[in-house]
Amino acid sequence: MQTIIALDFEASCLPCRGRSYPIEVGISDIRGHSQSWLIRPVGAWRTWTWTEEAEGLHGIARDQLEAEGQPPATVLSELAAACAGARVIADSVLDADWLATLAAATGRVAPFSIDHAAVLLEEIGATVEQIGQAEAIISALRFRRHRAGPDARYLGMLIGEVGRTLRAERPLFDW
């Protein structure tokens, strides 16, 4: 059995709008235990793109990052420790890019790889119907979207709900 950690980043903008950098990262296990970090921008990032559109979605202001954000090295170290030995999944391929950007700001490489959630769902044999049922159950909990912690929690709990449906057949995850 394997431990699954869902991960989500929020960023200064989408890459199609300019050069983006990570501003928040969140993780969650499949039971819904989550943690998140605001990321204080490094000097070079301050000249990269920041859009009002992105700020409107996640609701995080630049001055909040300066006041409450942790240095990238601290975030990366704590994130690496929290994800050690786990399979990390996300629902966007962009999350791997933002992890790489975070790591590069510290002079390090990404401490783990990120798989797309669809790959995991296919591996465990989840059907479209099972995923849809799990989405309905988890969506009823009314998560605040576009913040890294709640988005990671949503994905982790979705995977957990699908896993519970399939668990009767075979153990899938480290429960």
Protein backbone atom coordinates (compact mmCIF):
# COMPACT_ATOMS: atom_id res chain seq x y z
CA MET A 1 0.00 0.00 0.00
CA GLN A 2 1.13 3.52 -0.64
CA THR A 3 0.62 6.86 1.02
CA ILE A 4 -1.03 9.42 -1.25
CA ILE A 5 -0.54 13.17 -0.82
CA ALA A 6 -2.56 15.62 -2.93
CA LEU A 7 -0.81 18.89 -3.73
CA ASP A 8 -1.95 22.21 -5.15
CA PHE A 9 -0.18 25.49 -5.92
CA GLU A 10 -1.61 28.96 -6.34
CA ALA A 11 0.42 31.32 -8.48
CA SER A 12 0.92 34.94 -9.45
CA CYS A 13 -0.77 34.27 -12.79
CA LEU A 14 -1.36 31.52 -15.28
CA PRO A 15 1.64 30.95 -17.59
CA CYS A 16 -0.41 32.04 -20.60
CA ARG A 17 -0.60 35.51 -18.99
CA GLY A 18 3.13 35.88 -18.32
CA ARG A 19 5.99 34.56 -16.23
CA SER A 20 4.40 33.13 -13.10
CA TYR A 21 5.71 32.11 -9.71
CA PRO A 22 4.23 30.09 -6.85
CA ILE A 23 2.62 32.05 -4.04
CA GLU A 24 1.01 29.28 -1.99
CA VAL A 25 1.26 25.50 -1.79
CA GLY A 26 -1.04 23.11 0.02
CA ILE A 27 -1.03 19.39 0.63
CA SER A 28 -3.55 16.92 1.99
CA ASP A 29 -3.78 13.25 2.68
CA ILE A 30 -6.79 11.21 1.59
CA ARG A 31 -8.44 11.66 5.00
CA GLY A 32 -8.51 15.44 4.59
CA HIS A 33 -5.64 16.39 6.91
CA SER A 34 -4.12 19.39 5.17
CA GLN A 35 -1.42 21.99 5.51
CA SER A 36 -0.51 25.03 3.45
CA TRP A 37 2.22 27.62 3.18
CA LEU A 38 2.23 31.14 1.78
CA ILE A 39 5.47 31.73 -0.13
CA ARG A 40 7.35 35.02 0.20
CA PRO A 41 8.57 36.06 -3.25
CA VAL A 42 12.31 36.12 -3.87
CA GLY A 43 13.86 39.19 -5.47
CA ALA A 44 13.74 37.96 -9.06
CA TRP A 45 10.06 37.02 -8.81
CA ARG A 46 9.09 40.59 -7.95
CA THR A 47 9.63 41.54 -11.61
CA TRP A 48 7.60 38.57 -12.91
CA THR A 49 3.92 38.80 -13.83
CA TRP A 50 1.23 39.41 -11.25
CA THR A 51 -2.34 39.64 -12.54
CA GLU A 52 -5.42 41.06 -10.91
CA GLU A 53 -7.28 38.10 -12.44
CA ALA A 54 -5.20 35.62 -10.40
CA GLU A 55 -5.45 37.74 -7.25
CA GLY A 56 -9.21 37.89 -7.74
CA LEU A 57 -9.37 34.07 -7.85
CA HIS A 58 -7.16 33.20 -4.90
CA GLY A 59 -7.67 36.39 -2.88
CA ILE A 60 -4.03 36.64 -1.84
CA ALA A 61 -2.47 40.10 -2.10
CA ARG A 62 1.22 40.78 -2.67
CA ASP A 63 1.56 42.60 0.64
CA GLN A 64 0.08 39.54 2.39
CA LEU A 65 2.86 37.39 0.87
CA GLU A 66 5.48 39.83 2.12
CA ALA A 67 3.98 39.93 5.62
CA GLU A 68 2.91 36.30 6.09
CA GLY A 69 4.85 34.31 3.49
CA GLN A 70 7.65 31.94 4.40
CA PRO A 71 10.99 31.98 2.56
CA PRO A 72 11.07 29.51 -0.36
CA ALA A 73 13.81 27.44 1.33
CA THR A 74 11.66 26.98 4.44
CA VAL A 75 8.58 26.06 2.40
CA LEU A 76 10.53 23.61 0.22
CA SER A 77 12.16 21.91 3.22
CA GLU A 78 8.90 21.53 5.11
CA LEU A 79 7.07 20.40 1.98
CA ALA A 80 9.76 17.80 1.20
CA ALA A 81 9.59 16.46 4.76
CA ALA A 82 5.79 16.27 4.70
CA CYS A 83 5.80 14.41 1.36
CA ALA A 84 8.75 12.10 2.05
CA GLY A 85 8.01 8.56 0.91
CA ALA A 86 4.54 9.44 -0.42
CA ARG A 87 3.19 9.44 -3.92
CA VAL A 88 2.34 13.06 -4.67
CA ILE A 89 -0.51 13.83 -7.05
CA ALA A 90 -2.06 17.00 -8.44
CA ASP A 91 -4.87 17.85 -10.82
CA SER A 92 -2.76 20.12 -13.04
CA VAL A 93 0.54 19.60 -14.81
CA LEU A 94 1.37 23.22 -13.91
CA ASP A 95 1.93 22.20 -10.29
CA ALA A 96 5.16 20.41 -11.28
CA ASP A 97 6.39 23.60 -12.95
CA TRP A 98 5.66 25.67 -9.85
CA LEU A 99 7.41 23.08 -7.67
CA ALA A 100 10.44 23.35 -9.96
CA THR A 101 10.29 27.16 -9.77
CA LEU A 102 10.12 27.02 -5.97
CA ALA A 103 13.07 24.62 -5.85
CA ALA A 104 15.12 26.69 -8.31
CA ALA A 105 14.69 29.75 -6.08
CA THR A 106 16.55 27.81 -3.38
CA GLY A 107 19.24 26.47 -5.72
CA ARG A 108 17.84 22.94 -5.41
CA VAL A 109 15.96 20.55 -7.64
CA ALA A 110 12.43 19.45 -6.90
CA PRO A 111 12.56 16.93 -4.02
CA PHE A 112 9.85 14.69 -5.50
CA SER A 113 7.87 14.19 -8.68
CA ILE A 114 4.19 14.90 -9.08
CA ASP A 115 1.81 12.53 -10.86
CA HIS A 116 -1.45 13.67 -12.38
CA ALA A 117 -4.48 12.46 -10.41
CA ALA A 118 -5.96 10.97 -13.59
CA VAL A 119 -3.02 8.56 -13.80
CA LEU A 120 -3.68 7.31 -10.27
CA LEU A 121 -7.42 6.98 -10.87
CA GLU A 122 -6.75 4.95 -14.01
CA GLU A 123 -4.23 2.73 -12.19
CA ILE A 124 -6.71 1.86 -9.46
CA GLY A 125 -9.42 1.11 -12.00
CA ALA A 126 -11.85 3.88 -11.04
CA THR A 127 -14.78 4.20 -13.38
CA VAL A 128 -16.28 7.48 -14.57
CA GLU A 129 -19.35 6.69 -12.48
CA GLN A 130 -17.31 6.09 -9.31
CA ILE A 131 -15.40 9.33 -9.82
CA GLY A 132 -18.65 11.22 -10.44
CA GLN A 133 -20.22 9.78 -7.28
CA ALA A 134 -17.13 10.73 -5.26
CA GLU A 135 -17.16 14.26 -6.73
CA ALA A 136 -20.80 14.69 -5.70
CA ILE A 137 -20.07 13.57 -2.14
CA ILE A 138 -16.95 15.72 -1.72
CA SER A 139 -18.44 18.77 -3.48
CA ALA A 140 -21.31 18.75 -0.98
CA LEU A 141 -18.74 19.71 1.68
CA ARG A 142 -18.46 23.12 -0.05
CA PHE A 143 -14.74 23.72 -0.12
CA ARG A 144 -13.41 27.22 -0.66
CA ARG A 145 -11.77 26.94 -4.06
CA HIS A 146 -8.62 28.57 -5.42
CA ARG A 147 -6.68 28.38 -2.19
CA ALA A 148 -3.97 25.76 -2.08
CA GLY A 149 -4.92 24.04 1.18
CA PRO A 150 -8.62 23.57 0.42
CA ASP A 151 -7.93 22.61 -3.21
CA ALA A 152 -5.43 19.95 -2.09
CA ARG A 153 -7.88 18.78 0.56
CA TYR A 154 -10.65 18.49 -2.04
CA LEU A 155 -8.44 16.39 -4.33
CA GLY A 156 -7.13 14.21 -1.51
CA MET A 157 -10.60 13.52 -0.18
CA LEU A 158 -11.86 12.81 -3.69
CA ILE A 159 -9.15 10.18 -4.16
CA GLY A 160 -9.94 8.83 -0.70
CA GLU A 161 -13.66 8.55 -1.49
CA VAL A 162 -12.95 6.69 -4.73
CA GLY A 163 -10.56 4.46 -2.79
CA ARG A 164 -13.23 3.68 -0.19
CA THR A 165 -15.55 2.58 -2.98
CA LEU A 166 -12.91 0.25 -4.38
CA ARG A 167 -11.43 -0.86 -1.04
CA ALA A 168 -13.88 -3.71 -0.66
CA GLU A 169 -12.12 -5.33 -3.62
CA ARG A 170 -8.50 -4.74 -2.57
CA PRO A 171 -6.49 -2.42 -0.32
CA LEU A 172 -5.28 0.58 -2.33
CA PHE A 173 -3.76 3.13 -0.01
CA ASP A 174 -2.18 3.48 3.37
CA TRP A 175 -5.34 4.24 5.37
